Amino acid sequence: MSCTIVNLSRCAYYYQPKSADDTMIISLLKSITDKHLRWGFPKCFHRIRKLGYTWNHKRIYRVYCQLKLNIRSKRNKRLPQRYPEPLSVPSRLGECWSMDFMSDSSQNHRRFRTFNVIDDFNREALGIDIAVSLSAGRITRYLDRLAQYHGYPLKIRVDNGTEFTSNRFTSWAKSHGITLDYIKPGSPYQNGYIERFNRTYRTEVLDLYLFKNLEQVRKITEEWLE
């Protein structure tokens, strides 16, 4: 009678929601995010699916939000209007490499630099050299070591830094038949593949740790690359 008065069905009145046990989901999400601190929900969800679990993505996202694992996203800054040239896409491995420098400091405020090298075809990180000083001589020796495994590329895309415009580097490239593709000054978007890689390396390695020394930087970087 009461349900009829308030125009409510008896099924709705007696409905008891099923209690879902999310303990397993919580444990999985915590283990994944503890290992991959910069992974957002899509990567976490795909990893859970690869492990063989079939929970609905809405349920996993609900638990993900309850644990407050959401990564804060930054809004893109408004950029002046420009007309960038499209990046050339290599058709095979070893056709074009991109390389660039980054800098950071250890716990004792000692500055160091990293020399990042990727293959533009599949965006594979070929290697990262880390030192306090990275001269043209050191980077050519490092590239020779990479070439022992990957072979020398046909072309290298770089900016106009002094290490890349020095006689030693240009002579090294000429001796191995490598074409140097210099981007326009102040146009990092023309070297977008390595710039995108740098951002990932910055957020997932350099910004996450307080390094005691260069050996620790090299060790963590090698583990991240693998």
Protein backbone atom coordinates (compact mmCIF):
# COMPACT_ATOMS: atom_id res chain seq x y z
CA MET A 1 0.00 0.00 0.00
CA SER A 2 2.79 2.44 0.88
CA CYS A 3 4.56 1.82 -2.45
CA THR A 4 1.32 2.50 -4.30
CA ILE A 5 0.80 5.79 -2.48
CA VAL A 6 4.29 7.12 -3.39
CA ASN A 7 4.12 5.57 -6.88
CA LEU A 8 7.14 3.30 -6.27
CA SER A 9 7.43 -0.27 -7.51
CA ARG A 10 7.91 -2.97 -4.89
CA CYS A 11 10.92 -4.31 -6.83
CA ALA A 12 12.68 -0.97 -6.54
CA TYR A 13 11.85 -0.75 -2.84
CA TYR A 14 13.26 -4.18 -2.01
CA TYR A 15 16.26 -3.93 -4.36
CA GLN A 16 19.58 -4.57 -2.65
CA PRO A 17 22.70 -3.50 -4.63
CA LYS A 18 25.31 -6.20 -5.01
CA SER A 19 28.41 -5.49 -2.97
CA ALA A 20 31.47 -5.68 -5.20
CA ASP A 21 34.79 -6.70 -3.68
CA ASP A 22 37.41 -4.40 -5.24
CA THR A 23 40.33 -5.69 -3.17
CA MET A 24 41.98 -7.39 -6.15
CA ILE A 25 41.61 -4.30 -8.35
CA ILE A 26 43.08 -2.08 -5.62
CA SER A 27 46.05 -4.41 -5.21
CA LEU A 28 46.72 -4.53 -8.97
CA LEU A 29 46.44 -0.76 -9.45
CA LYS A 30 48.78 -0.06 -6.54
CA SER A 31 51.39 -2.53 -7.78
CA ILE A 32 51.25 -1.08 -11.32
CA THR A 33 51.41 2.58 -10.27
CA ASP A 34 54.19 1.89 -7.73
CA LYS A 35 56.33 0.53 -10.55
CA HIS A 36 55.24 3.03 -13.23
CA LEU A 37 54.74 6.32 -11.42
CA ARG A 38 53.81 8.31 -14.55
CA TRP A 39 51.30 5.86 -16.01
CA GLY A 40 47.76 7.17 -16.39
CA PHE A 41 44.52 5.19 -16.43
CA PRO A 42 44.67 3.98 -20.09
CA LYS A 43 48.07 2.31 -19.62
CA CYS A 44 47.03 0.82 -16.28
CA PHE A 45 43.80 -0.53 -17.80
CA HIS A 46 45.59 -2.12 -20.78
CA ARG A 47 48.16 -3.71 -18.45
CA ILE A 48 45.35 -5.24 -16.35
CA ARG A 49 43.73 -6.60 -19.52
CA LYS A 50 47.06 -8.09 -20.67
CA LEU A 51 47.30 -9.87 -17.31
CA GLY A 52 44.05 -11.67 -18.18
CA TYR A 53 41.49 -9.83 -16.04
CA THR A 54 38.14 -8.90 -17.65
CA TRP A 55 36.71 -6.27 -15.32
CA ASN A 56 34.75 -3.48 -16.98
CA HIS A 57 36.78 -0.33 -17.59
CA LYS A 58 34.14 1.73 -15.72
CA ARG A 59 34.64 -0.34 -12.59
CA ILE A 60 38.42 -0.10 -12.79
CA TYR A 61 38.22 3.65 -13.39
CA ARG A 62 35.92 4.07 -10.37
CA VAL A 63 38.49 2.36 -8.14
CA TYR A 64 41.29 4.29 -9.85
CA CYS A 65 39.60 7.57 -8.92
CA GLN A 66 38.82 6.42 -5.37
CA LEU A 67 42.53 5.77 -4.85
CA LYS A 68 43.24 9.29 -6.19
CA LEU A 69 45.74 8.00 -8.73
CA ASN A 70 44.75 10.54 -11.37
CA ILE A 71 47.73 12.34 -12.89
CA ARG A 72 47.35 16.08 -13.01
CA SER A 73 47.19 17.25 -16.62
CA LYS A 74 48.50 20.62 -17.69
CA ARG A 75 46.63 22.76 -20.15
CA ASN A 76 48.45 23.54 -23.35
CA LYS A 77 49.73 27.06 -23.52
CA ARG A 78 48.45 29.21 -26.33
CA LEU A 79 51.13 29.38 -28.98
CA PRO A 80 51.57 32.02 -31.65
CA GLN A 81 50.30 31.05 -35.07
CA ARG A 82 52.91 29.22 -37.08
CA TYR A 83 53.12 26.91 -40.04
CA PRO A 84 55.50 24.06 -39.18
CA GLU A 85 56.82 21.84 -41.90
CA PRO A 86 55.73 18.19 -41.54
CA LEU A 87 58.38 15.84 -40.20
CA SER A 88 59.77 13.44 -42.74
CA VAL A 89 58.96 9.85 -41.82
CA PRO A 90 61.75 7.34 -42.56
CA SER A 91 60.78 4.18 -44.39
CA ARG A 92 63.23 1.84 -42.65
CA LEU A 93 65.56 1.46 -39.69
CA GLY A 94 68.81 3.39 -39.81
CA GLU A 95 67.57 5.92 -42.33
CA CYS A 96 67.50 8.82 -39.88
CA TRP A 97 68.54 9.30 -36.27
CA SER A 98 67.60 12.24 -34.03
CA MET A 99 69.69 13.39 -31.09
CA ASP A 100 69.63 16.11 -28.47
CA PHE A 101 71.04 17.15 -25.09
CA MET A 102 69.30 17.51 -21.73
CA SER A 103 70.59 18.74 -18.37
CA ASP A 104 69.81 18.12 -14.71
CA SER A 105 71.57 18.09 -11.33
CA SER A 106 72.32 15.53 -8.63
CA GLN A 107 71.46 15.78 -4.94
CA ASN A 108 74.67 17.70 -4.23
CA HIS A 109 73.74 20.26 -6.94
CA ARG A 110 76.32 18.95 -9.38
CA ARG A 111 75.13 19.57 -12.92
CA PHE A 112 75.25 16.83 -15.55
CA ARG A 113 74.11 16.42 -19.15
CA THR A 114 72.52 13.60 -21.11
CA PHE A 115 72.98 12.83 -24.80
CA ASN A 116 69.85 11.15 -26.16
CA VAL A 117 69.77 9.24 -29.46
CA ILE A 118 66.70 7.66 -31.11
CA ASP A 119 65.85 6.08 -34.45
CA ASP A 120 63.10 8.11 -36.15
CA PHE A 121 61.60 5.08 -37.90
CA ASN A 122 60.27 3.29 -34.81
CA ARG A 123 61.19 5.91 -32.12
CA GLU A 124 63.49 3.36 -30.48
CA ALA A 125 65.89 4.80 -27.91
CA LEU A 126 69.29 3.68 -29.13
CA GLY A 127 71.12 5.01 -26.09
CA ILE A 128 71.63 7.79 -23.56
CA ASP A 129 75.13 8.92 -22.60
CA ILE A 130 75.47 10.73 -19.26
CA ALA A 131 78.39 12.85 -18.10
CA VAL A 132 79.30 16.21 -16.59
CA SER A 133 80.73 17.34 -19.92
CA LEU A 134 79.76 16.08 -23.37
CA SER A 135 82.20 17.34 -25.96
CA ALA A 136 82.07 16.69 -29.69
CA GLY A 137 84.81 14.09 -29.29
CA ARG A 138 82.88 12.17 -26.65
CA ILE A 139 79.63 12.12 -28.61
CA THR A 140 81.35 10.86 -31.77
CA ARG A 141 82.97 8.05 -29.77
CA TYR A 142 79.58 7.21 -28.26
CA LEU A 143 77.96 7.17 -31.71
CA ASP A 144 80.70 4.84 -32.93
CA ARG A 145 79.80 2.42 -30.13
CA LEU A 146 76.11 2.58 -31.07
CA ALA A 147 77.01 1.99 -34.72
CA GLN A 148 78.82 -1.24 -33.81
CA TYR A 149 75.40 -2.70 -33.00
CA HIS A 150 72.94 -0.68 -35.10
CA GLY A 151 75.13 0.40 -38.01
CA TYR A 152 75.67 4.00 -39.13
CA PRO A 153 72.57 5.97 -40.19
CA LEU A 154 72.15 7.66 -43.54
CA LYS A 155 71.07 10.94 -41.93
CA ILE A 156 71.15 12.61 -38.52
CA ARG A 157 68.67 15.33 -37.50
CA VAL A 158 70.10 17.79 -34.95
CA ASP A 159 69.79 21.39 -33.78
CA ASN A 160 72.45 24.07 -34.22
CA GLY A 161 74.34 23.47 -30.97
CA THR A 162 78.08 24.03 -30.93
CA GLU A 163 78.75 20.30 -30.47
CA PHE A 164 76.88 19.50 -33.69
CA THR A 165 78.34 22.34 -35.75
CA SER A 166 81.95 21.76 -34.69
CA ASN A 167 84.53 20.68 -37.24
CA ARG A 168 85.15 17.44 -35.37
CA PHE A 169 81.51 16.35 -35.56
CA THR A 170 80.96 17.42 -39.17
CA SER A 171 84.20 15.70 -40.23
CA TRP A 172 83.15 12.53 -38.43
CA ALA A 173 79.78 12.56 -40.20
CA LYS A 174 81.42 13.14 -43.59
CA SER A 175 83.89 10.30 -43.06
CA HIS A 176 80.99 7.87 -42.51
CA GLY A 177 78.82 9.21 -45.32
CA ILE A 178 76.20 10.66 -42.98
CA THR A 179 74.09 13.65 -44.01
CA LEU A 180 73.51 16.24 -41.26
CA ASP A 181 69.99 17.69 -41.26
CA TYR A 182 70.08 20.90 -39.19
CA ILE A 183 66.74 22.29 -38.07
CA LYS A 184 66.03 26.02 -38.26
CA PRO A 185 67.21 28.00 -35.19
CA GLY A 186 64.44 28.39 -32.62
CA SER A 187 62.29 25.69 -34.26
CA PRO A 188 62.38 22.64 -31.95
CA TYR A 189 59.15 21.32 -33.51
CA GLN A 190 61.22 20.42 -36.57
CA ASN A 191 62.94 17.85 -34.36
CA GLY A 192 59.69 16.64 -32.82
CA TYR A 193 60.58 12.95 -32.41
CA ILE A 194 63.49 13.56 -30.03
CA GLU A 195 61.66 16.43 -28.27
CA ARG A 196 58.76 14.07 -27.50
CA PHE A 197 61.22 11.46 -26.22
CA ASN A 198 62.94 14.07 -24.03
CA ARG A 199 59.64 14.92 -22.34
CA THR A 200 58.98 11.28 -21.50
CA TYR A 201 62.52 10.82 -20.16
CA ARG A 202 62.15 14.00 -18.10
CA THR A 203 58.83 13.03 -16.48
CA GLU A 204 59.56 9.32 -15.95
CA VAL A 205 63.21 9.52 -14.83
CA LEU A 206 64.83 12.91 -14.23
CA ASP A 207 61.92 14.50 -12.37
CA LEU A 208 61.15 11.42 -10.26
CA TYR A 209 64.46 10.80 -8.49
CA LEU A 210 67.01 12.61 -6.33
CA PHE A 211 70.27 11.26 -7.72
CA LYS A 212 73.25 10.81 -5.42
CA ASN A 213 75.83 10.49 -8.20
CA LEU A 214 76.24 9.87 -11.92
CA GLU A 215 76.45 6.11 -11.47
CA GLN A 216 72.94 6.11 -10.02
CA VAL A 217 71.68 8.20 -12.94
CA ARG A 218 73.21 5.76 -15.43
CA LYS A 219 71.80 2.71 -13.61
CA ILE A 220 68.24 4.04 -13.38
CA THR A 221 68.38 5.24 -16.99
CA GLU A 222 69.53 1.82 -18.25
CA GLU A 223 66.74 0.08 -16.32
CA TRP A 224 64.20 2.53 -17.76
CA LEU A 225 65.49 2.01 -21.31
CA GLU A 226 65.20 -1.77 -20.98
